[in-house]
């Protein structure tokens, strides 16, 4: 799902399925896009705190190409 789609329709759901236990977990809710244009300073600070508290390897997962595009491997 693209950011523009979420801006038009902010409802979203994530789902995990565990094949061994046959369990499925779903979380549904309303999304809130917190990008540089968001006027809420508290939300911006929370976003930055969350981002910088993750490892570099975790951050790199978000910087990859869009699905279907080639992936360039980075050595860190």
PDB file of N, CA and C in Angstrom:
ATOM      1  N   UNK A   1       0.845  -1.173   0.000  1.00  0.00           N
ATOM      2  CA  UNK A   1       0.000   0.000   0.000  1.00  0.00           C
ATOM      3  C   UNK A   1       0.891   1.237   0.000  1.00  0.00           C
ATOM      4  N   UNK A   2       0.535   2.179  -0.801  1.00  0.00           N
ATOM      5  CA  UNK A   2       1.303   3.416  -0.920  1.00  0.00           C
ATOM      6  C   UNK A   2       0.777   4.476   0.048  1.00  0.00           C
ATOM      7  N   UNK A   3       1.623   5.430   0.401  1.00  0.00           N
ATOM      8  CA  UNK A   3       1.245   6.512   1.307  1.00  0.00           C
ATOM      9  C   UNK A   3       0.042   7.290   0.764  1.00  0.00           C
ATOM     10  N   UNK A   4       0.040   7.554  -0.529  1.00  0.00           N
ATOM     11  CA  UNK A   4      -1.076   8.304  -1.113  1.00  0.00           C
ATOM     12  C   UNK A   4      -2.394   7.572  -0.930  1.00  0.00           C
ATOM     13  N   UNK A   5      -2.375   6.241  -1.011  1.00  0.00           N
ATOM     14  CA  UNK A   5      -3.590   5.451  -0.792  1.00  0.00           C
ATOM     15  C   UNK A   5      -4.068   5.598   0.651  1.00  0.00           C
ATOM     16  N   UNK A   6      -3.121   5.575   1.596  1.00  0.00           N
ATOM     17  CA  UNK A   6      -3.491   5.718   3.002  1.00  0.00           C
ATOM     18  C   UNK A   6      -4.026   7.111   3.308  1.00  0.00           C
ATOM     19  N   UNK A   7      -3.531   8.112   2.614  1.00  0.00           N
ATOM     20  CA  UNK A   7      -4.052   9.465   2.827  1.00  0.00           C
ATOM     21  C   UNK A   7      -5.506   9.557   2.381  1.00  0.00           C
ATOM     22  N   UNK A   8      -5.862   8.844   1.314  1.00  0.00           N
ATOM     23  CA  UNK A   8      -7.236   8.859   0.807  1.00  0.00           C
ATOM     24  C   UNK A   8      -8.161   7.979   1.645  1.00  0.00           C
ATOM     25  N   UNK A   9      -7.641   6.846   2.097  1.00  0.00           N
ATOM     26  CA  UNK A   9      -8.428   5.892   2.882  1.00  0.00           C
ATOM     27  C   UNK A   9      -7.541   5.391   4.016  1.00  0.00           C
ATOM     28  N   UNK A  10      -7.618   6.000   5.199  1.00  0.00           N
ATOM     29  CA  UNK A  10      -6.668   5.699   6.271  1.00  0.00           C
ATOM     30  C   UNK A  10      -6.906   4.388   7.026  1.00  0.00           C
ATOM     31  N   UNK A  11      -7.895   3.617   6.639  1.00  0.00           N
ATOM     32  CA  UNK A  11      -8.125   2.331   7.310  1.00  0.00           C
ATOM     33  C   UNK A  11      -7.086   1.312   6.841  1.00  0.00           C
ATOM     34  N   UNK A  12      -6.542   0.548   7.778  1.00  0.00           N
ATOM     35  CA  UNK A  12      -5.528  -0.450   7.420  1.00  0.00           C
ATOM     36  C   UNK A  12      -5.628  -1.636   8.367  1.00  0.00           C
ATOM     37  N   UNK A  13      -5.027  -2.742   7.945  1.00  0.00           N
ATOM     38  CA  UNK A  13      -5.014  -3.946   8.769  1.00  0.00           C
ATOM     39  C   UNK A  13      -3.729  -4.701   8.494  1.00  0.00           C
ATOM     40  N   UNK A  14      -3.132  -5.236   9.554  1.00  0.00           N
ATOM     41  CA  UNK A  14      -1.985  -6.124   9.394  1.00  0.00           C
ATOM     42  C   UNK A  14      -2.384  -7.487   9.945  1.00  0.00           C
ATOM     43  N   UNK A  15      -1.770  -8.518   9.408  1.00  0.00           N
ATOM     44  CA  UNK A  15      -2.179  -9.873   9.762  1.00  0.00           C
ATOM     45  C   UNK A  15      -0.953 -10.774   9.842  1.00  0.00           C
ATOM     46  N   UNK A  16      -0.893 -11.609  10.871  1.00  0.00           N
ATOM     47  CA  UNK A  16       0.129 -12.634  10.995  1.00  0.00           C
ATOM     48  C   UNK A  16      -0.558 -13.981  11.048  1.00  0.00           C
ATOM     49  N   UNK A  17       0.002 -14.946  10.340  1.00  0.00           N
ATOM     50  CA  UNK A  17      -0.532 -16.310  10.375  1.00  0.00           C
ATOM     51  C   UNK A  17       0.598 -17.255  10.733  1.00  0.00           C
ATOM     52  N   UNK A  18       0.377 -18.065  11.764  1.00  0.00           N
ATOM     53  CA  UNK A  18       1.364 -19.028  12.216  1.00  0.00           C
ATOM     54  C   UNK A  18       0.923 -20.417  11.768  1.00  0.00           C
ATOM     55  N   UNK A  19       1.676 -20.994  10.838  1.00  0.00           N
ATOM     56  CA  UNK A  19       1.259 -22.254  10.228  1.00  0.00           C
ATOM     57  C   UNK A  19       1.278 -23.428  11.206  1.00  0.00           C
ATOM     58  N   UNK A  20       2.210 -23.442  12.141  1.00  0.00           N
ATOM     59  CA  UNK A  20       2.292 -24.574  13.068  1.00  0.00           C
ATOM     60  C   UNK A  20       1.104 -24.632  14.025  1.00  0.00           C
ATOM     61  N   UNK A  21       0.681 -23.482  14.516  1.00  0.00           N
ATOM     62  CA  UNK A  21      -0.420 -23.455  15.484  1.00  0.00           C
ATOM     63  C   UNK A  21      -1.770 -23.138  14.832  1.00  0.00           C
ATOM     64  N   UNK A  22      -1.757 -22.806  13.563  1.00  0.00           N
ATOM     65  CA  UNK A  22      -2.958 -22.428  12.818  1.00  0.00           C
ATOM     66  C   UNK A  22      -3.634 -21.200  13.441  1.00  0.00           C
ATOM     67  N   UNK A  23      -2.823 -20.318  13.975  1.00  0.00           N
ATOM     68  CA  UNK A  23      -3.361 -19.101  14.588  1.00  0.00           C
ATOM     69  C   UNK A  23      -3.162 -17.916  13.647  1.00  0.00           C
ATOM     70  N   UNK A  24      -4.127 -17.032  13.680  1.00  0.00           N
ATOM     71  CA  UNK A  24      -4.040 -15.815  12.886  1.00  0.00           C
ATOM     72  C   UNK A  24      -4.322 -14.636  13.809  1.00  0.00           C
ATOM     73  N   UNK A  25      -3.487 -13.624  13.711  1.00  0.00           N
ATOM     74  CA  UNK A  25      -3.667 -12.415  14.506  1.00  0.00           C
ATOM     75  C   UNK A  25      -3.848 -11.245  13.552  1.00  0.00           C
ATOM     76  N   UNK A  26      -4.861 -10.429  13.821  1.00  0.00           N
ATOM     77  CA  UNK A  26      -5.138  -9.265  12.988  1.00  0.00           C
ATOM     78  C   UNK A  26      -5.232  -8.025  13.860  1.00  0.00           C
ATOM     79  N   UNK A  27      -4.662  -6.961  13.365  1.00  0.00           N
ATOM     80  CA  UNK A  27      -4.783  -5.657  14.002  1.00  0.00           C
ATOM     81  C   UNK A  27      -5.328  -4.711  12.943  1.00  0.00           C
ATOM     82  N   UNK A  28      -6.454  -4.107  13.237  1.00  0.00           N
ATOM     83  CA  UNK A  28      -7.076  -3.183  12.294  1.00  0.00           C
ATOM     84  C   UNK A  28      -7.217  -1.815  12.963  1.00  0.00           C
ATOM     85  N   UNK A  29      -7.114  -0.777  12.165  1.00  0.00           N
ATOM     86  CA  UNK A  29      -7.267   0.556  12.729  1.00  0.00           C
ATOM     87  C   UNK A  29      -7.131   1.640  11.684  1.00  0.00           C
ATOM     88  N   UNK A  30      -7.018   2.844  12.174  1.00  0.00           N
ATOM     89  CA  UNK A  30      -6.882   4.021  11.317  1.00  0.00           C
ATOM     90  C   UNK A  30      -5.424   4.455  11.347  1.00  0.00           C
ATOM     91  N   UNK A  31      -4.870   4.726  10.197  1.00  0.00           N
ATOM     92  CA  UNK A  31      -3.473   5.169  10.119  1.00  0.00           C
ATOM     93  C   UNK A  31      -3.383   6.680  10.234  1.00  0.00           C
ATOM     94  N   UNK A  32      -2.235   7.146  10.624  1.00  0.00           N
ATOM     95  CA  UNK A  32      -1.955   8.577  10.707  1.00  0.00           C
ATOM     96  C   UNK A  32      -0.585   8.778  10.067  1.00  0.00           C
ATOM     97  N   UNK A  33      -0.532   9.461   8.943  1.00  0.00           N
ATOM     98  CA  UNK A  33       0.729   9.702   8.246  1.00  0.00           C
ATOM     99  C   UNK A  33       1.486  10.812   8.978  1.00  0.00           C
ATOM    100  N   UNK A  34       2.679  10.480   9.437  1.00  0.00           N
ATOM    101  CA  UNK A  34       3.490  11.468  10.150  1.00  0.00           C
ATOM    102  C   UNK A  34       4.753  11.693   9.337  1.00  0.00           C
ATOM    103  N   UNK A  35       4.636  12.541   8.328  1.00  0.00           N
ATOM    104  CA  UNK A  35       5.791  12.885   7.502  1.00  0.00           C
ATOM    105  C   UNK A  35       6.207  14.321   7.813  1.00  0.00           C
ATOM    106  N   UNK A  36       7.127  14.840   7.048  1.00  0.00           N
ATOM    107  CA  UNK A  36       7.639  16.181   7.295  1.00  0.00           C
ATOM    108  C   UNK A  36       6.590  17.272   7.195  1.00  0.00           C
ATOM    109  N   UNK A  37       5.466  16.997   6.538  1.00  0.00           N
ATOM    110  CA  UNK A  37       4.427  18.021   6.394  1.00  0.00           C
ATOM    111  C   UNK A  37       3.407  17.977   7.534  1.00  0.00           C
ATOM    112  N   UNK A  38       3.543  17.022   8.456  1.00  0.00           N
ATOM    113  CA  UNK A  38       2.609  16.918   9.570  1.00  0.00           C
ATOM    114  C   UNK A  38       2.837  18.096  10.520  1.00  0.00           C
ATOM    115  N   UNK A  39       1.784  18.829  10.866  1.00  0.00           N
ATOM    116  CA  UNK A  39       1.957  20.018  11.707  1.00  0.00           C
ATOM    117  C   UNK A  39       2.116  19.720  13.202  1.00  0.00           C
ATOM    118  N   UNK A  40       1.937  18.484  13.628  1.00  0.00           N
ATOM    119  CA  UNK A  40       1.989  18.133  15.045  1.00  0.00           C
ATOM    120  C   UNK A  40       3.429  17.847  15.471  1.00  0.00           C
ATOM    121  N   UNK A  41       4.027  18.781  16.196  1.00  0.00           N
ATOM    122  CA  UNK A  41       5.432  18.658  16.612  1.00  0.00           C
ATOM    123  C   UNK A  41       5.661  17.449  17.515  1.00  0.00           C
ATOM    124  N   UNK A  42       4.702  17.121  18.363  1.00  0.00           N
ATOM    125  CA  UNK A  42       4.842  15.983  19.266  1.00  0.00           C
ATOM    126  C   UNK A  42       4.925  14.686  18.458  1.00  0.00           C
ATOM    127  N   UNK A  43       4.073  14.554  17.439  1.00  0.00           N
ATOM    128  CA  UNK A  43       4.109  13.353  16.601  1.00  0.00           C
ATOM    129  C   UNK A  43       5.421  13.245  15.835  1.00  0.00           C
ATOM    130  N   UNK A  44       5.924  14.382  15.355  1.00  0.00           N
ATOM    131  CA  UNK A  44       7.212  14.389  14.652  1.00  0.00           C
ATOM    132  C   UNK A  44       8.321  13.922  15.602  1.00  0.00           C
ATOM    133  N   UNK A  45       8.319  14.409  16.833  1.00  0.00           N
ATOM    134  CA  UNK A  45       9.329  14.006  17.813  1.00  0.00           C
ATOM    135  C   UNK A  45       9.223  12.514  18.124  1.00  0.00           C
ATOM    136  N   UNK A  46       7.991  12.002  18.246  1.00  0.00           N
ATOM    137  CA  UNK A  46       7.798  10.577  18.501  1.00  0.00           C
ATOM    138  C   UNK A  46       8.318   9.742  17.339  1.00  0.00           C
ATOM    139  N   UNK A  47       8.050  10.204  16.110  1.00  0.00           N
ATOM    140  CA  UNK A  47       8.531   9.487  14.922  1.00  0.00           C
ATOM    141  C   UNK A  47      10.055   9.429  14.924  1.00  0.00           C
ATOM    142  N   UNK A  48      10.699  10.565  15.174  1.00  0.00           N
ATOM    143  CA  UNK A  48      12.163  10.614  15.183  1.00  0.00           C
ATOM    144  C   UNK A  48      12.744   9.749  16.297  1.00  0.00           C
ATOM    145  N   UNK A  49      12.125   9.773  17.464  1.00  0.00           N
ATOM    146  CA  UNK A  49      12.602   8.951  18.585  1.00  0.00           C
ATOM    147  C   UNK A  49      12.513   7.467  18.224  1.00  0.00           C
ATOM    148  N   UNK A  50      11.402   7.068  17.624  1.00  0.00           N
ATOM    149  CA  UNK A  50      11.229   5.661  17.231  1.00  0.00           C
ATOM    150  C   UNK A  50      12.251   5.270  16.164  1.00  0.00           C
ATOM    151  N   UNK A  51      12.457   6.146  15.184  1.00  0.00           N
ATOM    152  CA  UNK A  51      13.388   5.841  14.089  1.00  0.00           C
ATOM    153  C   UNK A  51      14.816   5.684  14.605  1.00  0.00           C
ATOM    154  N   UNK A  52      15.274   6.642  15.399  1.00  0.00           N
ATOM    155  CA  UNK A  52      16.664   6.619  15.847  1.00  0.00           C
ATOM    156  C   UNK A  52      16.923   5.598  16.952  1.00  0.00           C
ATOM    157  N   UNK A  53      15.867   5.012  17.518  1.00  0.00           N
ATOM    158  CA  UNK A  53      16.068   3.965  18.527  1.00  0.00           C
ATOM    159  C   UNK A  53      16.230   2.585  17.886  1.00  0.00           C
ATOM    160  N   UNK A  54      16.031   2.493  16.568  1.00  0.00           N
ATOM    161  CA  UNK A  54      16.202   1.215  15.876  1.00  0.00           C
ATOM    162  C   UNK A  54      17.633   1.073  15.363  1.00  0.00           C
ATOM    163  N   UNK A  55      18.019  -0.156  15.076  1.00  0.00           N
ATOM    164  CA  UNK A  55      19.366  -0.408  14.575  1.00  0.00           C
ATOM    165  C   UNK A  55      19.490   0.034  13.115  1.00  0.00           C
ATOM    166  N   UNK A  56      20.721   0.208  12.666  1.00  0.00           N
ATOM    167  CA  UNK A  56      20.972   0.583  11.274  1.00  0.00           C
ATOM    168  C   UNK A  56      20.425  -0.492  10.331  1.00  0.00           C
ATOM    169  N   UNK A  57      20.598  -1.757  10.677  1.00  0.00           N
ATOM    170  CA  UNK A  57      20.079  -2.832   9.828  1.00  0.00           C
ATOM    171  C   UNK A  57      18.561  -2.748   9.702  1.00  0.00           C
ATOM    172  N   UNK A  58      17.906  -2.430  10.792  1.00  0.00           N
ATOM    173  CA  UNK A  58      16.452  -2.279  10.753  1.00  0.00           C
ATOM    174  C   UNK A  58      16.061  -1.090   9.876  1.00  0.00           C
ATOM    175  N   UNK A  59      16.765   0.012  10.003  1.00  0.00           N
ATOM    176  CA  UNK A  59      16.475   1.196   9.194  1.00  0.00           C
ATOM    177  C   UNK A  59      16.657   0.910   7.706  1.00  0.00           C
ATOM    178  N   UNK A  60      17.667   0.122   7.362  1.00  0.00           N
ATOM    179  CA  UNK A  60      17.933  -0.182   5.957  1.00  0.00           C
ATOM    180  C   UNK A  60      16.784  -0.949   5.304  1.00  0.00           C
ATOM    181  N   UNK A  61      16.022  -1.694   6.085  1.00  0.00           N
ATOM    182  CA  UNK A  61      14.879  -2.415   5.527  1.00  0.00           C
ATOM    183  C   UNK A  61      13.860  -1.458   4.918  1.00  0.00           C
ATOM    184  N   UNK A  62      13.741  -0.269   5.494  1.00  0.00           N
ATOM    185  CA  UNK A  62      12.774   0.718   5.015  1.00  0.00           C
ATOM    186  C   UNK A  62      13.299   1.537   3.845  1.00  0.00           C
ATOM    187  N   UNK A  63      14.574   1.440   3.576  1.00  0.00           N
ATOM    188  CA  UNK A  63      15.183   2.246   2.517  1.00  0.00           C
ATOM    189  C   UNK A  63      15.372   1.466   1.224  1.00  0.00           C
ATOM    190  N   UNK A  64      14.864   0.248   1.181  1.00  0.00           N
ATOM    191  CA  UNK A  64      14.990  -0.584  -0.010  1.00  0.00           C
ATOM    192  C   UNK A  64      14.078  -0.108  -1.128  1.00  0.00           C
ATOM    193  N   UNK A  65      14.208  -0.720  -2.284  1.00  0.00           N
ATOM    194  CA  UNK A  65      13.383  -0.326  -3.428  1.00  0.00           C
ATOM    195  C   UNK A  65      11.929  -0.779  -3.245  1.00  0.00           C
ATOM    196  N   UNK A  66      11.051  -0.206  -4.050  1.00  0.00           N
ATOM    197  CA  UNK A  66       9.651  -0.638  -4.057  1.00  0.00           C
ATOM    198  C   UNK A  66       9.586  -2.096  -4.498  1.00  0.00           C
ATOM    199  N   UNK A  67       8.565  -2.827  -4.038  1.00  0.00           N
ATOM    200  CA  UNK A  67       8.432  -4.227  -4.457  1.00  0.00           C
ATOM    201  C   UNK A  67       8.463  -4.362  -5.973  1.00  0.00           C
ATOM    202  N   UNK A  68       9.195  -5.370  -6.442  1.00  0.00           N
ATOM    203  CA  UNK A  68       9.305  -5.620  -7.876  1.00  0.00           C
ATOM    204  C   UNK A  68      10.521  -4.987  -8.527  1.00  0.00           C
ATOM    205  N   UNK A  69      11.174  -4.060  -7.815  1.00  0.00           N
ATOM    206  CA  UNK A  69      12.386  -3.424  -8.346  1.00  0.00           C
ATOM    207  C   UNK A  69      13.616  -4.166  -7.846  1.00  0.00           C
ATOM    208  N   UNK A  70      14.717  -4.105  -8.590  1.00  0.00           N
ATOM    209  CA  UNK A  70      15.934  -4.806  -8.151  1.00  0.00           C
ATOM    210  C   UNK A  70      16.443  -4.274  -6.818  1.00  0.00           C
ATOM    211  N   UNK A  71      17.036  -5.145  -6.048  1.00  0.00           N
ATOM    212  CA  UNK A  71      17.594  -4.785  -4.742  1.00  0.00           C
ATOM    213  C   UNK A  71      19.108  -4.735  -4.852  1.00  0.00           C
ATOM    214  N   UNK A  72      19.710  -3.633  -4.426  1.00  0.00           N
ATOM    215  CA  UNK A  72      21.158  -3.501  -4.414  1.00  0.00           C
ATOM    216  C   UNK A  72      21.647  -3.783  -3.004  1.00  0.00           C
ATOM    217  N   UNK A  73      22.521  -4.745  -2.865  1.00  0.00           N
ATOM    218  CA  UNK A  73      23.020  -5.131  -1.558  1.00  0.00           C
ATOM    219  C   UNK A  73      24.054  -4.130  -1.076  1.00  0.00           C
ATOM    220  N   UNK A  74      23.907  -3.707   0.197  1.00  0.00           N
ATOM    221  CA  UNK A  74      24.862  -2.792   0.816  1.00  0.00           C
ATOM    222  C   UNK A  74      25.627  -3.572   1.873  1.00  0.00           C
ATOM    223  N   UNK A  75      26.914  -3.350   1.941  1.00  0.00           N
ATOM    224  CA  UNK A  75      27.738  -4.002   2.960  1.00  0.00           C
ATOM    225  C   UNK A  75      28.029  -2.971   4.038  1.00  0.00           C
ATOM    226  N   UNK A  76      27.674  -3.345   5.254  1.00  0.00           N
ATOM    227  CA  UNK A  76      27.901  -2.418   6.385  1.00  0.00           C
ATOM    228  C   UNK A  76      28.855  -3.064   7.355  1.00  0.00           C
TER     229      UNK A  76
END
